[in-house]
């Protein structure tokens, strides 16, 4: 079945950077928009950014605009999230998700990777 596997999370000091990766398998990667989300226990999942199937269009939440950058490599079936100027409030479990370009909902989700930003 389709798999999305996130990696790159960890512990970082405030102001630092991390790069998350999400490797997809068993799907036609170029047919899917990819998104990054995060969730803190007890809070709703937050949509951070989405990138179109071609990589030409991106949408960022205000909370991460200017600090986070999404990119994708369709040859490697991988989407990335470069996170700079991290803040303690960025601490969360980060998930990637895939949405077929014909649909409005996300079909597949990764298992998540923990990001912890210390002050």
N, C-alpha and C. Protein backbone atom coordinates (compact mmCIF):
# COMPACT_ATOMS: atom_id res chain seq x y z
N UNK A 1 0.83 -1.18 0.00
CA UNK A 1 0.00 0.00 0.00
C UNK A 1 0.87 1.25 0.00
N UNK A 2 0.22 2.41 -0.21
CA UNK A 2 0.95 3.67 -0.25
C UNK A 2 1.58 3.94 1.11
N UNK A 3 2.82 4.42 1.04
CA UNK A 3 3.51 4.79 2.28
C UNK A 3 4.10 6.18 2.16
N UNK A 4 3.94 6.95 3.21
CA UNK A 4 4.62 8.24 3.35
C UNK A 4 5.44 8.14 4.63
N UNK A 5 6.73 8.37 4.52
CA UNK A 5 7.61 8.22 5.68
C UNK A 5 8.37 9.52 5.91
N UNK A 6 8.07 10.15 7.04
CA UNK A 6 8.76 11.39 7.40
C UNK A 6 10.05 11.09 8.14
N UNK A 7 10.99 11.99 8.00
CA UNK A 7 12.24 11.90 8.75
C UNK A 7 12.82 13.30 8.91
N UNK A 8 13.80 13.41 9.81
CA UNK A 8 14.48 14.69 9.98
C UNK A 8 14.08 15.46 11.21
N UNK A 9 13.10 14.97 11.95
CA UNK A 9 12.72 15.66 13.17
C UNK A 9 13.77 15.51 14.25
N UNK A 10 13.58 16.25 15.33
CA UNK A 10 14.53 16.15 16.42
C UNK A 10 14.42 17.34 17.35
N UNK A 11 15.46 17.50 18.15
CA UNK A 11 15.52 18.59 19.13
C UNK A 11 16.47 19.66 18.62
N UNK A 12 16.02 20.90 18.67
CA UNK A 12 16.84 22.01 18.20
C UNK A 12 16.58 23.21 19.09
N UNK A 13 17.57 24.06 19.21
CA UNK A 13 17.40 25.28 19.99
C UNK A 13 16.65 26.33 19.18
N UNK A 14 15.99 27.21 19.89
CA UNK A 14 15.29 28.32 19.23
C UNK A 14 16.26 29.09 18.34
N UNK A 15 15.77 29.42 17.16
CA UNK A 15 16.61 30.10 16.17
C UNK A 15 17.30 29.15 15.22
N UNK A 16 17.27 27.87 15.54
CA UNK A 16 17.93 26.88 14.71
C UNK A 16 17.09 26.44 13.53
N UNK A 17 17.61 25.44 12.82
CA UNK A 17 16.96 24.96 11.60
C UNK A 17 16.88 23.44 11.61
N UNK A 18 15.89 22.95 10.91
CA UNK A 18 15.74 21.52 10.65
C UNK A 18 15.20 21.36 9.24
N UNK A 19 15.51 20.23 8.64
CA UNK A 19 14.95 19.91 7.34
C UNK A 19 14.25 18.57 7.44
N UNK A 20 12.95 18.61 7.21
CA UNK A 20 12.16 17.38 7.21
C UNK A 20 12.06 16.83 5.79
N UNK A 21 12.02 15.53 5.71
CA UNK A 21 11.81 14.85 4.43
C UNK A 21 10.61 13.94 4.55
N UNK A 22 9.96 13.74 3.43
CA UNK A 22 8.83 12.80 3.37
C UNK A 22 8.99 12.00 2.09
N UNK A 23 9.30 10.74 2.25
CA UNK A 23 9.49 9.86 1.10
C UNK A 23 8.22 9.08 0.83
N UNK A 24 7.76 9.13 -0.40
CA UNK A 24 6.53 8.45 -0.78
C UNK A 24 6.84 7.21 -1.61
N UNK A 25 6.03 6.20 -1.43
CA UNK A 25 6.20 4.98 -2.23
C UNK A 25 4.83 4.43 -2.61
N UNK A 26 4.81 3.70 -3.71
CA UNK A 26 3.62 3.02 -4.21
C UNK A 26 2.50 3.99 -4.61
N UNK A 27 2.88 5.16 -5.10
CA UNK A 27 1.91 6.06 -5.72
C UNK A 27 2.61 6.81 -6.82
N UNK A 28 1.82 7.34 -7.74
CA UNK A 28 2.37 8.14 -8.83
C UNK A 28 2.59 9.54 -8.26
N UNK A 29 3.77 9.76 -7.75
CA UNK A 29 4.05 10.95 -6.95
C UNK A 29 3.70 12.24 -7.68
N UNK A 30 3.98 12.29 -8.94
CA UNK A 30 3.73 13.50 -9.72
C UNK A 30 2.25 13.83 -9.89
N UNK A 31 1.35 12.93 -9.50
CA UNK A 31 -0.08 13.19 -9.57
C UNK A 31 -0.64 13.80 -8.29
N UNK A 32 0.24 13.99 -7.31
CA UNK A 32 -0.23 14.40 -5.99
C UNK A 32 0.35 15.74 -5.55
N UNK A 33 -0.53 16.60 -5.05
CA UNK A 33 -0.08 17.72 -4.25
C UNK A 33 0.34 17.18 -2.89
N UNK A 34 1.32 17.84 -2.30
CA UNK A 34 1.83 17.38 -1.01
C UNK A 34 1.72 18.49 0.01
N UNK A 35 1.34 18.12 1.21
CA UNK A 35 1.20 19.12 2.26
C UNK A 35 1.95 18.71 3.52
N UNK A 36 2.30 19.71 4.29
CA UNK A 36 2.87 19.49 5.63
C UNK A 36 1.90 20.06 6.66
N UNK A 37 1.72 19.31 7.72
CA UNK A 37 0.83 19.68 8.81
C UNK A 37 1.59 19.47 10.12
N UNK A 38 1.03 20.02 11.18
CA UNK A 38 1.59 19.72 12.50
C UNK A 38 0.46 19.68 13.52
N UNK A 39 0.75 18.99 14.61
CA UNK A 39 -0.26 18.87 15.66
C UNK A 39 0.41 18.80 17.01
N UNK A 40 -0.16 19.56 17.93
CA UNK A 40 0.24 19.53 19.32
C UNK A 40 -0.84 18.80 20.09
N UNK A 41 -0.48 17.95 21.03
CA UNK A 41 -1.52 17.22 21.79
C UNK A 41 -2.55 18.17 22.37
N UNK A 42 -3.81 17.81 22.17
CA UNK A 42 -4.90 18.62 22.69
C UNK A 42 -5.32 19.75 21.79
N UNK A 43 -4.62 19.92 20.67
CA UNK A 43 -4.98 20.98 19.74
C UNK A 43 -5.31 20.39 18.37
N UNK A 44 -5.98 21.20 17.57
CA UNK A 44 -6.33 20.75 16.22
C UNK A 44 -5.08 20.71 15.33
N UNK A 45 -5.15 19.83 14.36
CA UNK A 45 -4.07 19.77 13.39
C UNK A 45 -4.03 21.06 12.58
N UNK A 46 -2.82 21.55 12.36
CA UNK A 46 -2.64 22.82 11.65
C UNK A 46 -2.02 22.55 10.28
N UNK A 47 -2.63 23.10 9.26
CA UNK A 47 -2.07 23.02 7.91
C UNK A 47 -1.00 24.09 7.77
N UNK A 48 0.18 23.68 7.33
CA UNK A 48 1.30 24.60 7.25
C UNK A 48 1.57 25.08 5.83
N UNK A 49 1.61 24.15 4.91
CA UNK A 49 2.02 24.49 3.55
C UNK A 49 1.62 23.37 2.62
N UNK A 50 1.32 23.72 1.39
CA UNK A 50 1.04 22.74 0.36
C UNK A 50 1.81 23.13 -0.90
N UNK A 51 2.23 22.11 -1.62
CA UNK A 51 2.92 22.33 -2.89
C UNK A 51 2.18 21.55 -3.96
N UNK A 52 1.99 22.15 -5.11
CA UNK A 52 1.26 21.51 -6.20
C UNK A 52 2.05 20.33 -6.75
N UNK A 53 1.38 19.52 -7.56
CA UNK A 53 2.01 18.33 -8.10
C UNK A 53 3.25 18.66 -8.92
N UNK A 54 3.23 19.82 -9.57
CA UNK A 54 4.35 20.22 -10.41
C UNK A 54 5.42 20.96 -9.64
N UNK A 55 5.07 21.39 -8.43
CA UNK A 55 6.02 22.17 -7.65
C UNK A 55 6.01 23.65 -7.95
N UNK A 56 5.14 24.07 -8.84
CA UNK A 56 5.16 25.47 -9.27
C UNK A 56 4.33 26.38 -8.37
N UNK A 57 3.44 25.80 -7.57
CA UNK A 57 2.56 26.60 -6.72
C UNK A 57 2.68 26.13 -5.28
N UNK A 58 2.79 27.10 -4.39
CA UNK A 58 2.86 26.79 -2.96
C UNK A 58 1.96 27.74 -2.19
N UNK A 59 1.44 27.28 -1.08
CA UNK A 59 0.64 28.10 -0.18
C UNK A 59 1.14 27.88 1.24
N UNK A 60 1.39 28.96 1.94
CA UNK A 60 1.92 28.89 3.30
C UNK A 60 0.95 29.50 4.30
N UNK A 61 0.88 28.87 5.46
CA UNK A 61 0.15 29.48 6.57
C UNK A 61 0.95 30.68 7.07
N UNK A 62 0.24 31.66 7.58
CA UNK A 62 0.91 32.86 8.07
C UNK A 62 1.91 32.55 9.18
N UNK A 63 1.63 31.50 9.95
CA UNK A 63 2.47 31.16 11.08
C UNK A 63 3.88 30.73 10.67
N UNK A 64 4.05 30.30 9.42
CA UNK A 64 5.36 29.80 8.98
C UNK A 64 5.90 30.54 7.77
N UNK A 65 5.11 31.43 7.22
CA UNK A 65 5.53 32.15 6.02
C UNK A 65 6.81 32.93 6.30
N UNK A 66 7.77 32.79 5.40
CA UNK A 66 9.04 33.49 5.57
C UNK A 66 10.07 32.71 6.37
N UNK A 67 9.64 31.66 7.06
CA UNK A 67 10.57 30.85 7.85
C UNK A 67 10.69 29.43 7.30
N UNK A 68 9.61 28.89 6.79
CA UNK A 68 9.59 27.51 6.27
C UNK A 68 9.53 27.56 4.75
N UNK A 69 10.16 26.57 4.13
CA UNK A 69 10.14 26.46 2.68
C UNK A 69 9.89 25.01 2.28
N UNK A 70 8.88 24.82 1.45
CA UNK A 70 8.58 23.48 0.95
C UNK A 70 9.19 23.31 -0.44
N UNK A 71 9.63 22.11 -0.73
CA UNK A 71 10.12 21.79 -2.06
C UNK A 71 9.87 20.31 -2.32
N UNK A 72 9.96 19.92 -3.56
CA UNK A 72 9.76 18.51 -3.89
C UNK A 72 10.70 18.11 -5.00
N UNK A 73 11.03 16.83 -4.99
CA UNK A 73 11.84 16.23 -6.03
C UNK A 73 11.06 15.04 -6.56
N UNK A 74 10.40 15.23 -7.67
CA UNK A 74 9.53 14.17 -8.20
C UNK A 74 10.33 12.96 -8.67
N UNK A 75 11.58 13.16 -9.00
CA UNK A 75 12.41 12.02 -9.41
C UNK A 75 12.72 11.13 -8.21
N UNK A 76 12.71 11.70 -7.02
CA UNK A 76 13.00 10.94 -5.81
C UNK A 76 11.76 10.65 -4.99
N UNK A 77 10.59 11.05 -5.49
CA UNK A 77 9.33 10.84 -4.76
C UNK A 77 9.42 11.39 -3.33
N UNK A 78 9.99 12.55 -3.20
CA UNK A 78 10.24 13.12 -1.88
C UNK A 78 9.85 14.59 -1.84
N UNK A 79 9.26 14.97 -0.71
CA UNK A 79 8.96 16.37 -0.45
C UNK A 79 9.72 16.77 0.81
N UNK A 80 10.15 18.02 0.82
CA UNK A 80 10.98 18.50 1.91
C UNK A 80 10.33 19.71 2.58
N UNK A 81 10.68 19.92 3.83
CA UNK A 81 10.27 21.13 4.54
C UNK A 81 11.49 21.67 5.25
N UNK A 82 12.02 22.77 4.73
CA UNK A 82 13.13 23.44 5.37
C UNK A 82 12.56 24.42 6.39
N UNK A 83 12.97 24.26 7.64
CA UNK A 83 12.43 25.08 8.71
C UNK A 83 13.56 25.89 9.33
N UNK A 84 13.47 27.18 9.21
CA UNK A 84 14.48 28.09 9.75
C UNK A 84 13.87 28.96 10.84
N UNK A 85 14.74 29.59 11.61
CA UNK A 85 14.29 30.50 12.68
C UNK A 85 13.24 29.85 13.55
N UNK A 86 13.51 28.64 13.96
CA UNK A 86 12.52 27.89 14.73
C UNK A 86 12.25 28.52 16.08
N UNK A 87 11.01 28.40 16.51
CA UNK A 87 10.55 28.96 17.78
C UNK A 87 10.01 27.84 18.66
N UNK A 88 10.00 28.04 19.96
CA UNK A 88 9.43 26.99 20.82
C UNK A 88 8.00 26.62 20.45
N UNK A 89 7.25 27.57 19.95
CA UNK A 89 5.86 27.27 19.56
C UNK A 89 5.76 26.44 18.30
N UNK A 90 6.88 26.18 17.64
CA UNK A 90 6.89 25.27 16.50
C UNK A 90 6.95 23.81 16.95
N UNK A 91 7.13 23.59 18.23
CA UNK A 91 7.18 22.22 18.76
C UNK A 91 5.87 21.50 18.49
N UNK A 92 5.97 20.35 17.83
CA UNK A 92 4.78 19.60 17.44
C UNK A 92 5.22 18.31 16.75
N UNK A 93 4.26 17.47 16.46
CA UNK A 93 4.49 16.35 15.54
C UNK A 93 4.13 16.84 14.14
N UNK A 94 5.05 16.64 13.23
CA UNK A 94 4.89 17.11 11.86
C UNK A 94 4.55 15.93 10.95
N UNK A 95 3.53 16.15 10.12
CA UNK A 95 3.05 15.11 9.21
C UNK A 95 3.09 15.61 7.77
N UNK A 96 3.40 14.71 6.87
CA UNK A 96 3.19 15.02 5.46
C UNK A 96 1.96 14.25 4.98
N UNK A 97 1.36 14.75 3.93
CA UNK A 97 0.16 14.13 3.38
C UNK A 97 0.12 14.34 1.88
N UNK A 98 -0.55 13.43 1.19
CA UNK A 98 -0.65 13.46 -0.26
C UNK A 98 -2.10 13.62 -0.68
N UNK A 99 -2.34 14.50 -1.64
CA UNK A 99 -3.69 14.75 -2.15
C UNK A 99 -3.65 14.65 -3.67
N UNK A 100 -4.43 13.74 -4.23
CA UNK A 100 -4.47 13.61 -5.69
C UNK A 100 -4.94 14.93 -6.30
N UNK A 101 -4.37 15.29 -7.43
CA UNK A 101 -4.64 16.61 -7.99
C UNK A 101 -6.09 16.81 -8.38
N UNK A 102 -6.86 15.74 -8.49
CA UNK A 102 -8.27 15.85 -8.84
C UNK A 102 -9.17 15.99 -7.60
N UNK A 103 -8.59 15.85 -6.43
CA UNK A 103 -9.38 15.82 -5.21
C UNK A 103 -9.08 17.02 -4.31
N UNK A 104 -9.95 17.20 -3.31
CA UNK A 104 -9.75 18.29 -2.36
C UNK A 104 -9.31 17.80 -1.00
N UNK A 105 -9.40 16.49 -0.79
CA UNK A 105 -9.01 15.95 0.52
C UNK A 105 -7.73 15.15 0.38
N UNK A 106 -7.04 15.02 1.48
CA UNK A 106 -5.79 14.28 1.48
C UNK A 106 -6.07 12.78 1.63
N UNK A 107 -5.46 12.01 0.73
CA UNK A 107 -5.70 10.58 0.69
C UNK A 107 -4.80 9.81 1.66
N UNK A 108 -3.57 10.26 1.76
CA UNK A 108 -2.57 9.48 2.49
C UNK A 108 -1.80 10.38 3.45
N UNK A 109 -1.45 9.78 4.57
CA UNK A 109 -0.75 10.49 5.63
C UNK A 109 0.45 9.68 6.11
N UNK A 110 1.49 10.40 6.51
CA UNK A 110 2.63 9.74 7.14
C UNK A 110 2.38 9.53 8.62
N UNK A 111 3.35 8.92 9.27
CA UNK A 111 3.20 8.58 10.68
C UNK A 111 3.61 9.73 11.60
N UNK A 112 4.28 10.71 11.03
CA UNK A 112 4.67 11.88 11.80
C UNK A 112 6.08 11.81 12.33
N UNK A 113 6.67 12.98 12.53
CA UNK A 113 8.00 13.08 13.13
C UNK A 113 7.98 14.22 14.14
N UNK A 114 8.57 13.98 15.29
CA UNK A 114 8.53 14.96 16.37
C UNK A 114 9.58 16.03 16.16
N UNK A 115 9.16 17.27 16.30
CA UNK A 115 10.07 18.41 16.30
C UNK A 115 9.92 19.12 17.64
N UNK A 116 11.03 19.28 18.33
CA UNK A 116 11.02 19.96 19.62
C UNK A 116 12.01 21.11 19.58
N UNK A 117 11.52 22.30 19.89
CA UNK A 117 12.35 23.49 19.87
C UNK A 117 12.48 24.00 21.30
N UNK A 118 13.69 24.02 21.79
CA UNK A 118 13.94 24.45 23.16
C UNK A 118 14.25 25.95 23.19
N UNK A 119 13.84 26.57 24.29
CA UNK A 119 14.06 28.03 24.41
C UNK A 119 15.39 28.34 25.07
